Amino acid sequence: MHILWTLVIGLVVGAIAKLLMPGKDPGGFIVTILLGIAGAFVGTWIGRIFAGGNYAAGWIMSVVGAVILLLLYRLFFKRSA
C-alpha cells in the first residue's frame, strides 16, 4: 500500500510541477510520476542542506524539487521542432 500511495503522491506533485511550468514536455504520464517522486527526494535533499539532517520534504518542497527536475529534463531532452 505504501508503494501505491507514493505513486499517487508522485503523480500529484509531478502534475502540479507541470502546471507551474506550462509548455511542451517531452514526457508523458510515467515521466510525470517519476518527476514527482524524484522531486520529493530533491526537496528533501535541499531541505537537509538548510534545515538539518532530519528534514523530510513536505508538499511545497516536493513541488520545488519536481520543478527543478522538470527544468533540467526540458534542458536535456528537448524535442526537435
N, C-alpha and C. Protein backbone atom coordinates (compact mmCIF):
# COMPACT_ATOMS: atom_id res chain seq x y z
N MET A 1 0.82 -1.19 0.00
CA MET A 1 0.00 0.00 0.00
C MET A 1 0.87 1.26 0.00
N HIS A 2 2.03 1.17 0.64
CA HIS A 2 2.93 2.32 0.69
C HIS A 2 3.41 2.70 -0.71
N ILE A 3 3.69 1.73 -1.53
CA ILE A 3 4.16 1.99 -2.90
C ILE A 3 3.07 2.68 -3.71
N LEU A 4 1.84 2.21 -3.57
CA LEU A 4 0.72 2.83 -4.27
C LEU A 4 0.54 4.28 -3.84
N TRP A 5 0.62 4.53 -2.54
CA TRP A 5 0.49 5.89 -2.02
C TRP A 5 1.62 6.78 -2.56
N THR A 6 2.83 6.26 -2.63
CA THR A 6 3.97 7.01 -3.16
C THR A 6 3.74 7.36 -4.63
N LEU A 7 3.19 6.43 -5.40
CA LEU A 7 2.91 6.71 -6.82
C LEU A 7 1.84 7.79 -6.97
N VAL A 8 0.83 7.75 -6.13
CA VAL A 8 -0.24 8.75 -6.21
C VAL A 8 0.32 10.13 -5.85
N ILE A 9 1.09 10.20 -4.78
CA ILE A 9 1.70 11.48 -4.38
C ILE A 9 2.64 11.97 -5.47
N GLY A 10 3.42 11.07 -6.06
CA GLY A 10 4.32 11.44 -7.14
C GLY A 10 3.58 11.98 -8.34
N LEU A 11 2.45 11.38 -8.67
CA LEU A 11 1.64 11.86 -9.78
C LEU A 11 1.11 13.26 -9.50
N VAL A 12 0.61 13.47 -8.30
CA VAL A 12 0.06 14.78 -7.95
C VAL A 12 1.15 15.85 -7.95
N VAL A 13 2.28 15.56 -7.34
CA VAL A 13 3.39 16.52 -7.29
C VAL A 13 3.92 16.79 -8.70
N GLY A 14 4.06 15.77 -9.51
CA GLY A 14 4.51 15.96 -10.89
C GLY A 14 3.53 16.77 -11.71
N ALA A 15 2.23 16.55 -11.52
CA ALA A 15 1.21 17.32 -12.24
C ALA A 15 1.24 18.78 -11.81
N ILE A 16 1.41 19.04 -10.53
CA ILE A 16 1.50 20.42 -10.05
C ILE A 16 2.72 21.10 -10.65
N ALA A 17 3.83 20.39 -10.71
CA ALA A 17 5.05 20.96 -11.31
C ALA A 17 4.84 21.29 -12.78
N LYS A 18 4.15 20.41 -13.51
CA LYS A 18 3.89 20.68 -14.93
C LYS A 18 2.90 21.84 -15.10
N LEU A 19 1.97 22.01 -14.15
CA LEU A 19 1.06 23.14 -14.22
C LEU A 19 1.79 24.46 -13.94
N LEU A 20 2.77 24.43 -13.06
CA LEU A 20 3.54 25.63 -12.75
C LEU A 20 4.50 26.02 -13.87
N MET A 21 4.89 25.04 -14.68
CA MET A 21 5.79 25.29 -15.80
C MET A 21 5.10 24.88 -17.10
N PRO A 22 4.21 25.72 -17.61
CA PRO A 22 3.48 25.35 -18.82
C PRO A 22 4.42 25.25 -20.02
N GLY A 23 3.98 24.49 -20.99
CA GLY A 23 4.77 24.32 -22.20
C GLY A 23 4.79 22.86 -22.61
N LYS A 24 5.43 22.63 -23.74
CA LYS A 24 5.51 21.29 -24.30
C LYS A 24 6.59 20.50 -23.57
N ASP A 25 6.20 19.34 -23.05
CA ASP A 25 7.15 18.48 -22.36
C ASP A 25 7.40 17.22 -23.17
N PRO A 26 8.65 16.76 -23.18
CA PRO A 26 8.97 15.54 -23.93
C PRO A 26 8.67 14.27 -23.14
N GLY A 27 7.71 14.28 -22.24
CA GLY A 27 7.39 13.11 -21.45
C GLY A 27 5.90 12.96 -21.26
N GLY A 28 5.49 11.79 -20.83
CA GLY A 28 4.08 11.52 -20.63
C GLY A 28 3.75 11.26 -19.18
N PHE A 29 2.78 10.39 -18.99
CA PHE A 29 2.23 10.06 -17.67
C PHE A 29 3.29 9.47 -16.74
N ILE A 30 4.06 8.53 -17.23
CA ILE A 30 5.08 7.86 -16.41
C ILE A 30 6.16 8.86 -16.01
N VAL A 31 6.57 9.71 -16.93
CA VAL A 31 7.60 10.71 -16.63
C VAL A 31 7.09 11.68 -15.57
N THR A 32 5.79 12.02 -15.62
CA THR A 32 5.21 12.90 -14.62
C THR A 32 5.30 12.28 -13.23
N ILE A 33 4.98 11.00 -13.11
CA ILE A 33 5.08 10.31 -11.82
C ILE A 33 6.52 10.27 -11.35
N LEU A 34 7.43 9.93 -12.24
CA LEU A 34 8.84 9.84 -11.86
C LEU A 34 9.40 11.19 -11.43
N LEU A 35 9.00 12.27 -12.13
CA LEU A 35 9.45 13.60 -11.73
C LEU A 35 8.91 13.98 -10.36
N GLY A 36 7.68 13.60 -10.08
CA GLY A 36 7.10 13.90 -8.78
C GLY A 36 7.78 13.16 -7.65
N ILE A 37 8.03 11.87 -7.86
CA ILE A 37 8.70 11.07 -6.83
C ILE A 37 10.14 11.57 -6.62
N ALA A 38 10.85 11.78 -7.71
CA ALA A 38 12.22 12.27 -7.60
C ALA A 38 12.25 13.69 -7.02
N GLY A 39 11.20 14.47 -7.31
CA GLY A 39 11.11 15.82 -6.76
C GLY A 39 11.04 15.81 -5.24
N ALA A 40 10.36 14.83 -4.68
CA ALA A 40 10.31 14.71 -3.22
C ALA A 40 11.70 14.43 -2.66
N PHE A 41 12.46 13.60 -3.34
CA PHE A 41 13.82 13.32 -2.89
C PHE A 41 14.71 14.56 -3.01
N VAL A 42 14.58 15.28 -4.11
CA VAL A 42 15.36 16.50 -4.29
C VAL A 42 14.96 17.55 -3.26
N GLY A 43 13.66 17.68 -3.01
CA GLY A 43 13.18 18.62 -1.99
C GLY A 43 13.71 18.28 -0.61
N THR A 44 13.74 17.00 -0.29
CA THR A 44 14.29 16.56 0.99
C THR A 44 15.78 16.87 1.07
N TRP A 45 16.50 16.62 -0.01
CA TRP A 45 17.93 16.87 -0.04
C TRP A 45 18.22 18.36 0.15
N ILE A 46 17.47 19.22 -0.55
CA ILE A 46 17.64 20.68 -0.41
C ILE A 46 17.32 21.11 1.02
N GLY A 47 16.24 20.57 1.58
CA GLY A 47 15.86 20.90 2.94
C GLY A 47 16.90 20.48 3.96
N ARG A 48 17.52 19.34 3.74
CA ARG A 48 18.54 18.87 4.68
C ARG A 48 19.80 19.72 4.64
N ILE A 49 20.07 20.35 3.51
CA ILE A 49 21.21 21.25 3.42
C ILE A 49 20.97 22.47 4.32
N PHE A 50 19.73 23.00 4.29
CA PHE A 50 19.44 24.24 5.01
C PHE A 50 18.82 24.04 6.39
N ALA A 51 18.09 22.94 6.61
CA ALA A 51 17.35 22.78 7.86
C ALA A 51 17.90 21.68 8.77
N GLY A 52 18.82 20.89 8.31
CA GLY A 52 19.39 19.85 9.16
C GLY A 52 19.09 18.46 8.66
N GLY A 53 19.68 17.48 9.30
CA GLY A 53 19.64 16.10 8.85
C GLY A 53 18.32 15.38 8.98
N ASN A 54 17.41 15.84 9.80
CA ASN A 54 16.14 15.14 9.98
C ASN A 54 15.00 15.71 9.16
N TYR A 55 15.30 16.58 8.22
CA TYR A 55 14.26 17.22 7.41
C TYR A 55 13.66 16.23 6.42
N ALA A 56 12.34 16.24 6.31
CA ALA A 56 11.62 15.47 5.30
C ALA A 56 10.76 16.44 4.50
N ALA A 57 10.81 16.35 3.19
CA ALA A 57 10.11 17.31 2.34
C ALA A 57 8.61 17.18 2.49
N GLY A 58 7.95 18.31 2.55
CA GLY A 58 6.50 18.36 2.52
C GLY A 58 6.06 18.60 1.08
N TRP A 59 4.82 19.00 0.93
CA TRP A 59 4.27 19.22 -0.41
C TRP A 59 5.02 20.31 -1.16
N ILE A 60 5.30 21.43 -0.48
CA ILE A 60 5.90 22.57 -1.17
C ILE A 60 7.31 22.23 -1.65
N MET A 61 8.12 21.67 -0.79
CA MET A 61 9.49 21.33 -1.20
C MET A 61 9.50 20.20 -2.23
N SER A 62 8.52 19.32 -2.17
CA SER A 62 8.43 18.27 -3.19
C SER A 62 8.13 18.89 -4.55
N VAL A 63 7.22 19.86 -4.58
CA VAL A 63 6.90 20.54 -5.84
C VAL A 63 8.10 21.34 -6.32
N VAL A 64 8.81 22.01 -5.41
CA VAL A 64 10.01 22.76 -5.79
C VAL A 64 11.05 21.82 -6.41
N GLY A 65 11.25 20.68 -5.78
CA GLY A 65 12.19 19.69 -6.33
C GLY A 65 11.74 19.18 -7.69
N ALA A 66 10.44 18.94 -7.86
CA ALA A 66 9.93 18.46 -9.14
C ALA A 66 10.05 19.53 -10.23
N VAL A 67 9.85 20.79 -9.87
CA VAL A 67 10.02 21.88 -10.85
C VAL A 67 11.47 21.97 -11.29
N ILE A 68 12.39 21.84 -10.35
CA ILE A 68 13.82 21.85 -10.69
C ILE A 68 14.15 20.70 -11.64
N LEU A 69 13.64 19.52 -11.33
CA LEU A 69 13.90 18.36 -12.20
C LEU A 69 13.24 18.52 -13.57
N LEU A 70 12.04 19.10 -13.61
CA LEU A 70 11.36 19.32 -14.88
C LEU A 70 12.16 20.31 -15.74
N LEU A 71 12.70 21.34 -15.12
CA LEU A 71 13.53 22.29 -15.85
C LEU A 71 14.76 21.60 -16.43
N LEU A 72 15.42 20.78 -15.61
CA LEU A 72 16.59 20.04 -16.10
C LEU A 72 16.21 19.05 -17.19
N TYR A 73 15.06 18.39 -17.02
CA TYR A 73 14.58 17.43 -18.01
C TYR A 73 14.34 18.12 -19.35
N ARG A 74 13.72 19.30 -19.31
CA ARG A 74 13.47 20.05 -20.54
C ARG A 74 14.77 20.49 -21.20
N LEU A 75 15.76 20.84 -20.41
CA LEU A 75 17.04 21.27 -20.98
C LEU A 75 17.77 20.12 -21.67
N PHE A 76 17.72 18.93 -21.08
CA PHE A 76 18.47 17.79 -21.63
C PHE A 76 17.73 17.00 -22.69
N PHE A 77 16.41 16.96 -22.64
CA PHE A 77 15.63 16.14 -23.56
C PHE A 77 14.65 16.95 -24.38
N LYS A 78 15.16 17.98 -25.04
CA LYS A 78 14.31 18.81 -25.89
C LYS A 78 13.89 18.03 -27.13
N ARG A 79 12.64 18.22 -27.52
CA ARG A 79 12.19 17.65 -28.80
C ARG A 79 12.65 18.55 -29.92
N SER A 80 13.07 17.96 -30.99
CA SER A 80 13.44 18.78 -32.14
C SER A 80 12.19 19.23 -32.87
N ALA A 81 12.17 20.50 -33.21
CA ALA A 81 10.98 21.07 -33.84
C ALA A 81 11.04 21.01 -35.34
